[in-house]
């Protein structure tokens, strides 16, 4: 049943438009632990907005995401 459902879902890739979060894009991440927060807080383009919250802004989603994780 899962295989058949996957085949049906992928049979018409044009049926649903890809999600576009718009431009410019902002990604906000709220961390649950200070260790993970500290790993990302000093990256270029990332702004601290709360005790465990960071924001990354970019021209598009990929640019904002890369500032956090690449």
PDB file of N, CA and C in Angstrom:
ATOM      1  N   UNK A   1       0.824  -1.195   0.000  1.00  0.00           N
ATOM      2  CA  UNK A   1       0.000   0.000   0.000  1.00  0.00           C
ATOM      3  C   UNK A   1       0.872   1.265   0.000  1.00  0.00           C
ATOM      4  N   UNK A   2       1.969   1.220   0.722  1.00  0.00           N
ATOM      5  CA  UNK A   2       2.847   2.386   0.776  1.00  0.00           C
ATOM      6  C   UNK A   2       3.483   2.632  -0.582  1.00  0.00           C
ATOM      7  N   UNK A   3       3.966   1.565  -1.223  1.00  0.00           N
ATOM      8  CA  UNK A   3       4.570   1.720  -2.543  1.00  0.00           C
ATOM      9  C   UNK A   3       3.573   2.280  -3.539  1.00  0.00           C
ATOM     10  N   UNK A   4       2.358   1.765  -3.527  1.00  0.00           N
ATOM     11  CA  UNK A   4       1.337   2.243  -4.460  1.00  0.00           C
ATOM     12  C   UNK A   4       1.014   3.711  -4.195  1.00  0.00           C
ATOM     13  N   UNK A   5       0.913   4.101  -2.950  1.00  0.00           N
ATOM     14  CA  UNK A   5       0.660   5.497  -2.609  1.00  0.00           C
ATOM     15  C   UNK A   5       1.796   6.406  -3.058  1.00  0.00           C
ATOM     16  N   UNK A   6       3.033   5.942  -2.883  1.00  0.00           N
ATOM     17  CA  UNK A   6       4.192   6.729  -3.327  1.00  0.00           C
ATOM     18  C   UNK A   6       4.191   6.869  -4.846  1.00  0.00           C
ATOM     19  N   UNK A   7       3.870   5.805  -5.558  1.00  0.00           N
ATOM     20  CA  UNK A   7       3.815   5.870  -7.024  1.00  0.00           C
ATOM     21  C   UNK A   7       2.765   6.862  -7.485  1.00  0.00           C
ATOM     22  N   UNK A   8       1.599   6.826  -6.843  1.00  0.00           N
ATOM     23  CA  UNK A   8       0.526   7.766  -7.216  1.00  0.00           C
ATOM     24  C   UNK A   8       0.956   9.206  -6.920  1.00  0.00           C
ATOM     25  N   UNK A   9       1.572   9.419  -5.769  1.00  0.00           N
ATOM     26  CA  UNK A   9       1.981  10.768  -5.386  1.00  0.00           C
ATOM     27  C   UNK A   9       3.032  11.330  -6.329  1.00  0.00           C
ATOM     28  N   UNK A  10       3.900  10.474  -6.851  1.00  0.00           N
ATOM     29  CA  UNK A  10       4.984  10.927  -7.721  1.00  0.00           C
ATOM     30  C   UNK A  10       4.662  10.829  -9.204  1.00  0.00           C
ATOM     31  N   UNK A  11       3.478  10.367  -9.540  1.00  0.00           N
ATOM     32  CA  UNK A  11       3.135  10.169 -10.945  1.00  0.00           C
ATOM     33  C   UNK A  11       2.950  11.482 -11.705  1.00  0.00           C
ATOM     34  N   UNK A  12       2.584  12.563 -11.016  1.00  0.00           N
ATOM     35  CA  UNK A  12       2.390  13.850 -11.678  1.00  0.00           C
ATOM     36  C   UNK A  12       3.072  14.935 -10.843  1.00  0.00           C
ATOM     37  N   UNK A  13       4.355  15.143 -11.099  1.00  0.00           N
ATOM     38  CA  UNK A  13       5.128  16.098 -10.309  1.00  0.00           C
ATOM     39  C   UNK A  13       4.669  17.538 -10.498  1.00  0.00           C
ATOM     40  N   UNK A  14       3.943  17.815 -11.558  1.00  0.00           N
ATOM     41  CA  UNK A  14       3.445  19.164 -11.800  1.00  0.00           C
ATOM     42  C   UNK A  14       2.115  19.441 -11.129  1.00  0.00           C
ATOM     43  N   UNK A  15       1.554  18.466 -10.437  1.00  0.00           N
ATOM     44  CA  UNK A  15       0.238  18.627  -9.821  1.00  0.00           C
ATOM     45  C   UNK A  15       0.250  19.653  -8.687  1.00  0.00           C
ATOM     46  N   UNK A  16       1.382  19.800  -8.030  1.00  0.00           N
ATOM     47  CA  UNK A  16       1.487  20.730  -6.909  1.00  0.00           C
ATOM     48  C   UNK A  16       2.730  21.593  -7.107  1.00  0.00           C
ATOM     49  N   UNK A  17       2.558  22.878  -7.028  1.00  0.00           N
ATOM     50  CA  UNK A  17       3.698  23.783  -7.178  1.00  0.00           C
ATOM     51  C   UNK A  17       4.607  23.687  -5.951  1.00  0.00           C
ATOM     52  N   UNK A  18       5.910  23.798  -6.141  1.00  0.00           N
ATOM     53  CA  UNK A  18       6.833  23.776  -5.001  1.00  0.00           C
ATOM     54  C   UNK A  18       6.554  24.955  -4.066  1.00  0.00           C
ATOM     55  N   UNK A  19       6.756  24.751  -2.785  1.00  0.00           N
ATOM     56  CA  UNK A  19       6.564  25.810  -1.806  1.00  0.00           C
ATOM     57  C   UNK A  19       7.617  26.888  -2.008  1.00  0.00           C
ATOM     58  N   UNK A  20       7.199  28.130  -2.047  1.00  0.00           N
ATOM     59  CA  UNK A  20       8.103  29.267  -2.177  1.00  0.00           C
ATOM     60  C   UNK A  20       7.890  30.181  -0.974  1.00  0.00           C
ATOM     61  N   UNK A  21       8.862  30.242  -0.041  1.00  0.00           N
ATOM     62  CA  UNK A  21       8.695  31.067   1.147  1.00  0.00           C
ATOM     63  C   UNK A  21       8.828  32.563   0.883  1.00  0.00           C
ATOM     64  N   UNK A  22       9.139  32.948  -0.351  1.00  0.00           N
ATOM     65  CA  UNK A  22       9.234  34.360  -0.706  1.00  0.00           C
ATOM     66  C   UNK A  22      10.636  34.919  -0.533  1.00  0.00           C
ATOM     67  N   UNK A  23      10.779  36.150  -0.951  1.00  0.00           N
ATOM     68  CA  UNK A  23      12.061  36.858  -0.913  1.00  0.00           C
ATOM     69  C   UNK A  23      11.841  38.256  -0.375  1.00  0.00           C
ATOM     70  N   UNK A  24      12.684  38.782   0.426  1.00  0.00           N
ATOM     71  CA  UNK A  24      13.735  38.108   1.159  1.00  0.00           C
ATOM     72  C   UNK A  24      13.137  37.122   2.166  1.00  0.00           C
ATOM     73  N   UNK A  25      13.986  36.321   2.766  1.00  0.00           N
ATOM     74  CA  UNK A  25      13.508  35.273   3.662  1.00  0.00           C
ATOM     75  C   UNK A  25      14.163  35.416   5.036  1.00  0.00           C
ATOM     76  N   UNK A  26      13.389  35.079   6.067  1.00  0.00           N
ATOM     77  CA  UNK A  26      13.885  35.099   7.444  1.00  0.00           C
ATOM     78  C   UNK A  26      13.596  33.744   8.071  1.00  0.00           C
ATOM     79  N   UNK A  27      14.609  33.158   8.697  1.00  0.00           N
ATOM     80  CA  UNK A  27      14.439  31.891   9.404  1.00  0.00           C
ATOM     81  C   UNK A  27      14.742  32.143  10.876  1.00  0.00           C
ATOM     82  N   UNK A  28      13.785  31.803  11.733  1.00  0.00           N
ATOM     83  CA  UNK A  28      13.967  31.963  13.174  1.00  0.00           C
ATOM     84  C   UNK A  28      14.029  30.576  13.805  1.00  0.00           C
ATOM     85  N   UNK A  29      15.032  30.359  14.654  1.00  0.00           N
ATOM     86  CA  UNK A  29      15.199  29.076  15.320  1.00  0.00           C
ATOM     87  C   UNK A  29      15.260  29.318  16.820  1.00  0.00           C
ATOM     88  N   UNK A  30      14.413  28.604  17.558  1.00  0.00           N
ATOM     89  CA  UNK A  30      14.451  28.653  19.018  1.00  0.00           C
ATOM     90  C   UNK A  30      15.034  27.337  19.512  1.00  0.00           C
ATOM     91  N   UNK A  31      16.160  27.409  20.183  1.00  0.00           N
ATOM     92  CA  UNK A  31      16.860  26.227  20.656  1.00  0.00           C
ATOM     93  C   UNK A  31      16.362  25.821  22.036  1.00  0.00           C
ATOM     94  N   UNK A  32      16.504  24.544  22.327  1.00  0.00           N
ATOM     95  CA  UNK A  32      16.104  24.012  23.623  1.00  0.00           C
ATOM     96  C   UNK A  32      17.295  23.886  24.572  1.00  0.00           C
ATOM     97  N   UNK A  33      18.500  23.958  24.035  1.00  0.00           N
ATOM     98  CA  UNK A  33      19.703  23.786  24.851  1.00  0.00           C
ATOM     99  C   UNK A  33      20.732  24.848  24.488  1.00  0.00           C
ATOM    100  N   UNK A  34      21.452  25.328  25.477  1.00  0.00           N
ATOM    101  CA  UNK A  34      22.451  26.365  25.229  1.00  0.00           C
ATOM    102  C   UNK A  34      23.617  25.855  24.389  1.00  0.00           C
ATOM    103  N   UNK A  35      23.917  24.557  24.462  1.00  0.00           N
ATOM    104  CA  UNK A  35      25.031  24.026  23.686  1.00  0.00           C
ATOM    105  C   UNK A  35      24.807  24.217  22.194  1.00  0.00           C
ATOM    106  N   UNK A  36      23.637  23.858  21.704  1.00  0.00           N
ATOM    107  CA  UNK A  36      23.319  24.012  20.281  1.00  0.00           C
ATOM    108  C   UNK A  36      23.245  25.495  19.910  1.00  0.00           C
ATOM    109  N   UNK A  37      22.665  26.298  20.775  1.00  0.00           N
ATOM    110  CA  UNK A  37      22.571  27.740  20.559  1.00  0.00           C
ATOM    111  C   UNK A  37      23.965  28.345  20.385  1.00  0.00           C
ATOM    112  N   UNK A  38      24.885  27.971  21.269  1.00  0.00           N
ATOM    113  CA  UNK A  38      26.242  28.523  21.231  1.00  0.00           C
ATOM    114  C   UNK A  38      27.002  28.139  19.964  1.00  0.00           C
ATOM    115  N   UNK A  39      26.698  26.980  19.399  1.00  0.00           N
ATOM    116  CA  UNK A  39      27.354  26.548  18.155  1.00  0.00           C
ATOM    117  C   UNK A  39      27.047  27.522  17.019  1.00  0.00           C
ATOM    118  N   UNK A  40      25.830  28.062  16.973  1.00  0.00           N
ATOM    119  CA  UNK A  40      25.365  28.856  15.837  1.00  0.00           C
ATOM    120  C   UNK A  40      25.357  30.364  16.067  1.00  0.00           C
ATOM    121  N   UNK A  41      25.422  30.815  17.310  1.00  0.00           N
ATOM    122  CA  UNK A  41      25.202  32.232  17.617  1.00  0.00           C
ATOM    123  C   UNK A  41      26.247  33.169  17.034  1.00  0.00           C
ATOM    124  N   UNK A  42      27.452  32.716  16.773  1.00  0.00           N
ATOM    125  CA  UNK A  42      28.515  33.595  16.291  1.00  0.00           C
ATOM    126  C   UNK A  42      28.731  33.499  14.778  1.00  0.00           C
ATOM    127  N   UNK A  43      27.867  32.806  14.081  1.00  0.00           N
ATOM    128  CA  UNK A  43      28.015  32.688  12.627  1.00  0.00           C
ATOM    129  C   UNK A  43      27.644  34.005  11.951  1.00  0.00           C
ATOM    130  N   UNK A  44      28.347  34.319  10.867  1.00  0.00           N
ATOM    131  CA  UNK A  44      28.087  35.556  10.122  1.00  0.00           C
ATOM    132  C   UNK A  44      26.658  35.579   9.607  1.00  0.00           C
ATOM    133  N   UNK A  45      25.980  36.699   9.796  1.00  0.00           N
ATOM    134  CA  UNK A  45      24.615  36.864   9.299  1.00  0.00           C
ATOM    135  C   UNK A  45      23.544  36.386  10.242  1.00  0.00           C
ATOM    136  N   UNK A  46      23.932  35.817  11.380  1.00  0.00           N
ATOM    137  CA  UNK A  46      22.967  35.296  12.348  1.00  0.00           C
ATOM    138  C   UNK A  46      22.854  36.293  13.490  1.00  0.00           C
ATOM    139  N   UNK A  47      21.617  36.597  13.880  1.00  0.00           N
ATOM    140  CA  UNK A  47      21.361  37.583  14.923  1.00  0.00           C
ATOM    141  C   UNK A  47      20.695  36.915  16.125  1.00  0.00           C
ATOM    142  N   UNK A  48      21.163  37.239  17.316  1.00  0.00           N
ATOM    143  CA  UNK A  48      20.540  36.764  18.549  1.00  0.00           C
ATOM    144  C   UNK A  48      19.330  37.654  18.823  1.00  0.00           C
ATOM    145  N   UNK A  49      18.147  37.032  18.972  1.00  0.00           N
ATOM    146  CA  UNK A  49      16.929  37.813  19.211  1.00  0.00           C
ATOM    147  C   UNK A  49      16.256  37.460  20.535  1.00  0.00           C
ATOM    148  N   UNK A  50      16.788  36.483  21.242  1.00  0.00           N
ATOM    149  CA  UNK A  50      16.235  36.092  22.531  1.00  0.00           C
ATOM    150  C   UNK A  50      17.223  35.207  23.254  1.00  0.00           C
ATOM    151  N   UNK A  51      16.874  34.760  24.468  1.00  0.00           N
ATOM    152  CA  UNK A  51      17.796  33.950  25.257  1.00  0.00           C
ATOM    153  C   UNK A  51      18.303  32.704  24.532  1.00  0.00           C
ATOM    154  N   UNK A  52      17.462  32.060  23.749  1.00  0.00           N
ATOM    155  CA  UNK A  52      17.849  30.880  22.974  1.00  0.00           C
ATOM    156  C   UNK A  52      17.315  30.953  21.545  1.00  0.00           C
ATOM    157  N   UNK A  53      17.123  32.176  21.051  1.00  0.00           N
ATOM    158  CA  UNK A  53      16.530  32.364  19.730  1.00  0.00           C
ATOM    159  C   UNK A  53      17.492  33.098  18.807  1.00  0.00           C
ATOM    160  N   UNK A  54      17.627  32.564  17.594  1.00  0.00           N
ATOM    161  CA  UNK A  54      18.469  33.161  16.567  1.00  0.00           C
ATOM    162  C   UNK A  54      17.645  33.394  15.312  1.00  0.00           C
ATOM    163  N   UNK A  55      18.026  34.431  14.548  1.00  0.00           N
ATOM    164  CA  UNK A  55      17.376  34.724  13.272  1.00  0.00           C
ATOM    165  C   UNK A  55      18.452  34.852  12.202  1.00  0.00           C
ATOM    166  N   UNK A  56      18.169  34.273  11.059  1.00  0.00           N
ATOM    167  CA  UNK A  56      19.026  34.410   9.892  1.00  0.00           C
ATOM    168  C   UNK A  56      18.190  34.993   8.768  1.00  0.00           C
ATOM    169  N   UNK A  57      18.684  36.042   8.142  1.00  0.00           N
ATOM    170  CA  UNK A  57      17.974  36.673   7.027  1.00  0.00           C
ATOM    171  C   UNK A  57      18.834  36.582   5.772  1.00  0.00           C
ATOM    172  N   UNK A  58      18.173  36.357   4.651  1.00  0.00           N
ATOM    173  CA  UNK A  58      18.898  36.270   3.388  1.00  0.00           C
ATOM    174  C   UNK A  58      18.027  36.697   2.229  1.00  0.00           C
ATOM    175  N   UNK A  59      18.645  36.826   1.062  1.00  0.00           N
ATOM    176  CA  UNK A  59      17.899  37.204  -0.140  1.00  0.00           C
ATOM    177  C   UNK A  59      16.843  36.165  -0.487  1.00  0.00           C
ATOM    178  N   UNK A  60      17.129  34.904  -0.158  1.00  0.00           N
ATOM    179  CA  UNK A  60      16.163  33.827  -0.372  1.00  0.00           C
ATOM    180  C   UNK A  60      16.341  32.799   0.741  1.00  0.00           C
ATOM    181  N   UNK A  61      15.513  31.747   0.738  1.00  0.00           N
ATOM    182  CA  UNK A  61      15.537  30.757   1.806  1.00  0.00           C
ATOM    183  C   UNK A  61      16.888  30.067   1.902  1.00  0.00           C
ATOM    184  N   UNK A  62      17.453  29.692   0.768  1.00  0.00           N
ATOM    185  CA  UNK A  62      18.718  28.962   0.782  1.00  0.00           C
ATOM    186  C   UNK A  62      19.833  29.819   1.382  1.00  0.00           C
ATOM    187  N   UNK A  63      19.878  31.094   1.051  1.00  0.00           N
ATOM    188  CA  UNK A  63      20.902  31.986   1.594  1.00  0.00           C
ATOM    189  C   UNK A  63      20.764  32.087   3.121  1.00  0.00           C
ATOM    190  N   UNK A  64      19.549  32.226   3.606  1.00  0.00           N
ATOM    191  CA  UNK A  64      19.320  32.302   5.052  1.00  0.00           C
ATOM    192  C   UNK A  64      19.685  30.984   5.736  1.00  0.00           C
ATOM    193  N   UNK A  65      19.356  29.864   5.125  1.00  0.00           N
ATOM    194  CA  UNK A  65      19.656  28.542   5.698  1.00  0.00           C
ATOM    195  C   UNK A  65      21.170  28.292   5.766  1.00  0.00           C
ATOM    196  N   UNK A  66      21.881  28.668   4.712  1.00  0.00           N
ATOM    197  CA  UNK A  66      23.332  28.437   4.670  1.00  0.00           C
ATOM    198  C   UNK A  66      24.052  29.157   5.808  1.00  0.00           C
ATOM    199  N   UNK A  67      23.555  30.319   6.207  1.00  0.00           N
ATOM    200  CA  UNK A  67      24.194  31.049   7.299  1.00  0.00           C
ATOM    201  C   UNK A  67      24.145  30.256   8.596  1.00  0.00           C
ATOM    202  N   UNK A  68      23.096  29.477   8.805  1.00  0.00           N
ATOM    203  CA  UNK A  68      22.986  28.663  10.015  1.00  0.00           C
ATOM    204  C   UNK A  68      23.836  27.406   9.944  1.00  0.00           C
ATOM    205  N   UNK A  69      23.722  26.682   8.854  1.00  0.00           N
ATOM    206  CA  UNK A  69      24.177  25.295   8.855  1.00  0.00           C
ATOM    207  C   UNK A  69      25.344  24.967   7.934  1.00  0.00           C
ATOM    208  N   UNK A  70      25.785  25.867   7.087  1.00  0.00           N
ATOM    209  CA  UNK A  70      26.915  25.545   6.203  1.00  0.00           C
ATOM    210  C   UNK A  70      28.066  26.486   6.430  1.00  0.00           C
TER     211      UNK A  70
END
